[in-house]
Amino acid sequence: MMRAFRSEWVKLSRRNMLLGFGGAMLGFTLLFTVLVFMSVGGTDTGLDEGGETFVTGAMLSLPDGSLFAITQMAIFLGIIVLALFASNLAGEFNKGTIRMLFVTEPNRLKVLAGKLAALASFVAVWVAATVIASVAVGAVLASGAGVDTAAWWTGEGLAAIGAGYLNVTGAALVAGLVGAALAVVTRSAAIAISVGAAYFMLGESLISTFWDPLAEWGPAAVANALATGGAAGTSLGAMRPDIAYATAVILALAYGLVSLAISSTVLARRDVTS
């Protein structure tokens, strides 16, 4: 497993991976952070709902206000992570390198575990960088937007940042594991990414118009609720479905385990001929 983990990090350390996936996570979040604070400062950025302000200075001045931008970007971060997992695993089949990996390590589950652990650690590092950068940019823009950041640096505020990091990372990994399962089943990065991204962005919302429970219990809704801390407690509650945090954690673990089970079963039983 450790050999697979180390070899995977060699790939993840390449410039195209760092800039392509890590840079995308960082870039999109920083762009949204700037738009949020510009919106509060009076600039028309389109961040409004039904003519009402999407976010206010009072919301951002709360202890967990520093996390507003990144938590609202969680679904997009999840799609980037889904693409990372899917392209990585499907690419092994497309290039034929999966067969070489199984020659050096016949235990397929160890190969899968090592690869997924490396990908998860890569995501954890980049989410940490994204959280730090988003909070830092928010702190710089706060005064111009009339946001008081004093509460951000209290014990409660710092704890909220730490909890937010764990929640966003967990939400992103749910999408990543779904992408991994799709990649192993289809052996196609294009199919896995397009199907996964379409579902997380639009599919669940469209299906939920016919089947209401999906809007509350589906993978996208659960990932969103997990990223924003559940339905109770924080100032971000108005921006998410009514799913309790404990429920979101349990369902996120369930979706992750189901995705792992699918990936493991298919990879262990399917013949690899090329």
Protein backbone atom coordinates (compact mmCIF):
# COMPACT_ATOMS: atom_id res chain seq x y z
CA MET A 1 0.00 0.00 0.00
CA MET A 2 2.78 2.44 0.89
CA ARG A 3 4.51 1.82 -2.44
CA ALA A 4 1.30 2.66 -4.25
CA PHE A 5 0.89 5.73 -2.03
CA ARG A 6 4.41 7.01 -2.76
CA SER A 7 4.22 6.31 -6.48
CA GLU A 8 0.91 8.15 -6.66
CA TRP A 9 2.42 11.21 -5.01
CA VAL A 10 5.12 11.27 -7.69
CA LYS A 11 2.32 11.82 -10.22
CA LEU A 12 0.47 14.28 -8.01
CA SER A 13 3.61 16.39 -7.56
CA ARG A 14 3.87 17.12 -11.28
CA ARG A 15 3.21 20.68 -12.39
CA ASN A 16 0.13 19.87 -14.44
CA MET A 17 -1.52 18.21 -11.42
CA LEU A 18 -0.57 20.98 -9.02
CA LEU A 19 -1.74 23.76 -11.32
CA GLY A 20 -4.59 21.90 -12.97
CA PHE A 21 -6.41 20.63 -9.91
CA GLY A 22 -4.87 22.42 -6.92
CA GLY A 23 -4.73 25.69 -8.81
CA ALA A 24 -8.34 25.33 -9.91
CA MET A 25 -9.51 24.79 -6.33
CA LEU A 26 -7.57 27.80 -5.13
CA GLY A 27 -8.48 30.04 -8.06
CA PHE A 28 -12.23 29.47 -8.02
CA THR A 29 -12.45 29.94 -4.26
CA LEU A 30 -10.44 33.16 -4.29
CA LEU A 31 -12.55 34.52 -7.14
CA PHE A 32 -15.74 33.79 -5.22
CA THR A 33 -14.26 35.28 -2.04
CA VAL A 34 -13.51 38.53 -3.86
CA LEU A 35 -17.01 38.61 -5.37
CA VAL A 36 -18.61 38.06 -1.96
CA PHE A 37 -16.77 40.95 -0.33
CA MET A 38 -17.26 43.21 -3.34
CA SER A 39 -20.99 42.45 -3.13
CA VAL A 40 -21.08 43.49 0.52
CA GLY A 41 -19.12 46.61 -0.35
CA GLY A 42 -21.85 47.76 -2.74
CA THR A 43 -20.50 46.50 -6.07
CA ASP A 44 -23.02 44.74 -8.31
CA THR A 45 -21.55 41.27 -8.75
CA GLY A 46 -24.76 39.35 -9.40
CA LEU A 47 -24.65 37.65 -6.02
CA ASP A 48 -28.27 38.20 -5.09
CA GLU A 49 -31.36 36.07 -4.84
CA GLY A 50 -34.72 37.43 -5.91
CA GLY A 51 -33.51 41.00 -5.53
CA GLU A 52 -32.36 40.37 -1.96
CA THR A 53 -28.76 40.54 -0.83
CA PHE A 54 -27.05 37.15 -0.99
CA VAL A 55 -24.74 37.96 1.92
CA THR A 56 -24.51 40.84 4.39
CA GLY A 57 -21.73 42.40 6.38
CA ALA A 58 -23.40 41.23 9.58
CA MET A 59 -23.19 37.61 8.41
CA LEU A 60 -19.52 37.92 7.56
CA SER A 61 -18.75 39.61 10.90
CA LEU A 62 -19.82 36.53 12.88
CA PRO A 63 -17.16 34.10 14.19
CA ASP A 64 -17.77 31.71 11.30
CA GLY A 65 -18.11 34.47 8.73
CA SER A 66 -14.59 33.90 7.47
CA LEU A 67 -15.76 30.57 6.05
CA PHE A 68 -18.73 31.85 4.07
CA ALA A 69 -17.05 31.91 0.67
CA ILE A 70 -15.39 28.51 0.82
CA THR A 71 -18.42 26.72 2.26
CA GLN A 72 -20.65 28.11 -0.48
CA MET A 73 -18.04 26.92 -3.01
CA ALA A 74 -18.00 23.40 -1.58
CA ILE A 75 -20.04 21.84 -4.39
CA PHE A 76 -17.65 23.25 -7.01
CA LEU A 77 -14.62 22.07 -5.03
CA GLY A 78 -16.27 18.66 -4.88
CA ILE A 79 -16.63 18.56 -8.65
CA ILE A 80 -12.93 19.39 -9.08
CA VAL A 81 -12.05 16.60 -6.64
CA LEU A 82 -14.41 14.23 -8.46
CA ALA A 83 -12.58 15.02 -11.69
CA LEU A 84 -9.22 14.44 -9.99
CA PHE A 85 -10.17 10.99 -8.66
CA ALA A 86 -11.94 9.95 -11.87
CA SER A 87 -9.21 11.08 -14.26
CA ASN A 88 -6.52 9.46 -12.14
CA LEU A 89 -8.12 6.04 -11.86
CA ALA A 90 -9.62 5.91 -15.35
CA GLY A 91 -6.29 7.08 -16.76
CA GLU A 92 -4.61 3.93 -15.42
CA PHE A 93 -6.99 1.82 -17.51
CA ASN A 94 -6.74 4.01 -20.62
CA LYS A 95 -2.94 3.99 -20.61
CA GLY A 96 -2.65 0.35 -19.62
CA THR A 97 -0.55 1.18 -16.57
CA ILE A 98 -3.02 -0.52 -14.23
CA ARG A 99 -1.73 -3.89 -15.46
CA MET A 100 1.86 -2.92 -14.61
CA LEU A 101 0.76 -1.86 -11.14
CA PHE A 102 -0.88 -5.23 -10.55
CA VAL A 103 2.26 -7.01 -11.68
CA THR A 104 4.36 -5.20 -9.09
CA GLU A 105 1.64 -5.51 -6.44
CA PRO A 106 -0.74 -8.45 -7.05
CA ASN A 107 -3.02 -7.39 -4.20
CA ARG A 108 -5.37 -5.08 -6.08
CA LEU A 109 -7.03 -3.70 -2.97
CA LYS A 110 -3.67 -2.51 -1.64
CA VAL A 111 -3.09 -0.65 -4.92
CA LEU A 112 -6.52 0.95 -4.72
CA ALA A 113 -6.08 1.86 -1.05
CA GLY A 114 -2.69 3.43 -1.69
CA LYS A 115 -3.94 5.45 -4.64
CA LEU A 116 -7.05 6.69 -2.81
CA ALA A 117 -5.03 7.57 0.30
CA ALA A 118 -2.60 9.61 -1.81
CA LEU A 119 -5.43 11.39 -3.60
CA ALA A 120 -7.19 12.11 -0.30
CA SER A 121 -4.01 13.56 1.21
CA PHE A 122 -3.51 15.72 -1.90
CA VAL A 123 -7.05 17.05 -1.51
CA ALA A 124 -6.54 17.67 2.22
CA VAL A 125 -3.41 19.74 1.54
CA TRP A 126 -5.08 21.84 -1.14
CA VAL A 127 -8.26 22.41 0.86
CA ALA A 128 -6.06 23.64 3.73
CA ALA A 129 -4.28 26.04 1.36
CA THR A 130 -7.62 27.17 -0.05
CA VAL A 131 -9.11 27.84 3.39
CA ILE A 132 -6.05 29.83 4.48
CA ALA A 133 -5.99 31.86 1.26
CA SER A 134 -9.75 32.55 1.36
CA VAL A 135 -9.64 33.73 4.99
CA ALA A 136 -6.56 35.87 4.29
CA VAL A 137 -8.11 37.54 1.25
CA GLY A 138 -11.33 38.07 3.17
CA ALA A 139 -9.43 39.74 5.99
CA VAL A 140 -7.75 42.10 3.51
CA LEU A 141 -11.05 43.03 1.82
CA ALA A 142 -13.11 43.18 5.02
CA SER A 143 -12.50 46.80 5.95
CA GLY A 144 -13.55 48.07 2.53
CA ALA A 145 -16.76 46.01 2.77
CA GLY A 146 -17.60 47.19 6.27
CA VAL A 147 -17.01 43.77 7.82
CA ASP A 148 -15.65 43.54 11.37
CA THR A 149 -13.26 40.58 11.55
CA ALA A 150 -12.58 40.76 15.30
CA ALA A 151 -14.76 37.70 15.95
CA TRP A 152 -12.80 35.67 13.38
CA TRP A 153 -9.72 35.58 15.59
CA THR A 154 -11.42 34.62 18.84
CA GLY A 155 -11.29 31.06 20.12
CA GLU A 156 -14.74 30.44 18.67
CA GLY A 157 -13.73 31.88 15.31
CA LEU A 158 -10.52 29.83 15.06
CA ALA A 159 -12.42 26.70 16.09
CA ALA A 160 -14.94 27.44 13.33
CA ILE A 161 -12.11 27.68 10.79
CA GLY A 162 -10.72 24.32 11.90
CA ALA A 163 -14.13 22.65 11.83
CA GLY A 164 -14.91 24.25 8.48
CA TYR A 165 -11.69 22.83 7.02
CA LEU A 166 -12.61 19.31 8.14
CA ASN A 167 -16.17 19.65 6.88
CA VAL A 168 -15.19 20.99 3.45
CA THR A 169 -12.52 18.30 3.08
CA GLY A 170 -15.01 15.60 3.99
CA ALA A 171 -17.60 16.95 1.56
CA ALA A 172 -15.03 17.06 -1.25
CA LEU A 173 -13.92 13.50 -0.57
CA VAL A 174 -17.50 12.24 -0.82
CA ALA A 175 -17.60 13.55 -4.39
CA GLY A 176 -14.10 12.20 -5.01
CA LEU A 177 -15.02 8.66 -3.95
CA VAL A 178 -18.13 8.78 -6.14
CA GLY A 179 -15.87 9.82 -9.03
CA ALA A 180 -13.49 6.95 -8.26
CA ALA A 181 -16.34 4.43 -8.33
CA LEU A 182 -17.60 5.80 -11.65
CA ALA A 183 -14.09 5.63 -13.10
CA VAL A 184 -13.52 2.02 -12.06
CA VAL A 185 -16.92 0.95 -13.40
CA THR A 186 -16.74 2.82 -16.72
CA ARG A 187 -12.93 2.86 -17.23
CA SER A 188 -13.47 6.22 -18.93
CA ALA A 189 -12.44 9.56 -17.44
CA ALA A 190 -14.73 11.47 -19.81
CA ILE A 191 -17.80 9.43 -18.89
CA ALA A 192 -17.05 9.38 -15.16
CA ILE A 193 -16.43 13.13 -14.97
CA SER A 194 -19.34 14.15 -17.16
CA VAL A 195 -21.83 11.88 -15.38
CA GLY A 196 -20.56 12.77 -11.91
CA ALA A 197 -20.36 16.51 -12.52
CA ALA A 198 -23.77 16.59 -14.20
CA TYR A 199 -25.33 14.78 -11.27
CA PHE A 200 -23.77 16.98 -8.57
CA MET A 201 -24.45 20.23 -10.43
CA LEU A 202 -27.89 19.65 -11.94
CA GLY A 203 -29.01 16.04 -11.87
CA GLU A 204 -29.93 15.81 -8.22
CA SER A 205 -31.87 19.06 -8.33
CA LEU A 206 -33.81 17.98 -11.42
CA ILE A 207 -34.60 14.50 -10.10
CA SER A 208 -35.68 15.94 -6.74
CA THR A 209 -38.51 17.81 -8.48
CA PHE A 210 -40.09 14.38 -8.99
CA TRP A 211 -38.73 12.69 -5.88
CA ASP A 212 -38.54 15.10 -2.95
CA PRO A 213 -36.39 12.99 -0.56
CA LEU A 214 -33.42 13.25 -2.92
CA ALA A 215 -33.23 17.02 -2.33
CA GLU A 216 -32.51 16.31 1.33
CA TRP A 217 -30.78 12.94 1.39
CA GLY A 218 -28.94 12.77 -1.93
CA PRO A 219 -25.11 12.85 -2.15
CA ALA A 220 -24.97 16.46 -3.36
CA ALA A 221 -27.34 17.68 -0.63
CA VAL A 222 -25.45 15.73 2.02
CA ALA A 223 -22.07 17.06 0.85
CA ASN A 224 -23.43 20.61 0.90
CA ALA A 225 -24.89 20.17 4.40
CA LEU A 226 -21.65 18.66 5.68
CA ALA A 227 -19.55 21.48 4.23
CA THR A 228 -21.70 24.15 5.88
CA GLY A 229 -22.02 22.43 9.23
CA GLY A 230 -25.54 21.04 9.07
CA ALA A 231 -28.89 22.70 9.58
CA ALA A 232 -28.41 23.92 13.12
CA GLY A 233 -26.25 26.46 14.72
CA THR A 234 -24.16 28.52 12.34
CA SER A 235 -24.89 31.68 10.40
CA LEU A 236 -24.61 29.70 7.18
CA GLY A 237 -27.74 27.65 7.89
CA ALA A 238 -29.99 29.66 5.60
CA MET A 239 -27.85 28.69 2.62
CA ARG A 240 -28.38 24.90 2.78
CA PRO A 241 -31.01 22.14 3.02
CA ASP A 242 -32.40 21.24 6.43
CA ILE A 243 -30.10 18.33 7.26
CA ALA A 244 -28.74 18.01 10.79
CA TYR A 245 -24.95 17.91 11.03
CA ALA A 246 -24.86 14.46 12.64
CA THR A 247 -27.13 13.14 9.90
CA ALA A 248 -24.93 14.71 7.23
CA VAL A 249 -21.83 13.06 8.72
CA ILE A 250 -23.47 9.63 8.88
CA LEU A 251 -24.83 9.86 5.34
CA ALA A 252 -21.50 11.17 4.01
CA LEU A 253 -19.72 8.19 5.56
CA ALA A 254 -22.35 5.88 4.11
CA TYR A 255 -21.99 7.29 0.59
CA GLY A 256 -18.21 7.10 0.88
CA LEU A 257 -18.28 3.48 2.06
CA VAL A 258 -20.72 2.45 -0.66
CA SER A 259 -18.50 4.08 -3.28
CA LEU A 260 -15.45 2.32 -1.82
CA ALA A 261 -17.28 -1.00 -1.85
CA ILE A 262 -18.21 -0.57 -5.52
CA SER A 263 -14.66 0.39 -6.51
CA SER A 264 -13.11 -2.46 -4.52
CA THR A 265 -15.52 -5.12 -5.75
CA VAL A 266 -15.29 -4.19 -9.41
CA LEU A 267 -11.52 -3.80 -9.37
CA ALA A 268 -10.97 -7.08 -7.52
CA ARG A 269 -13.24 -9.18 -9.77
CA ARG A 270 -12.85 -7.64 -13.22
CA ASP A 271 -10.25 -9.04 -15.60
CA VAL A 272 -7.52 -6.61 -16.63
CA THR A 273 -6.30 -7.57 -20.07
CA SER A 274 -4.65 -4.36 -21.25
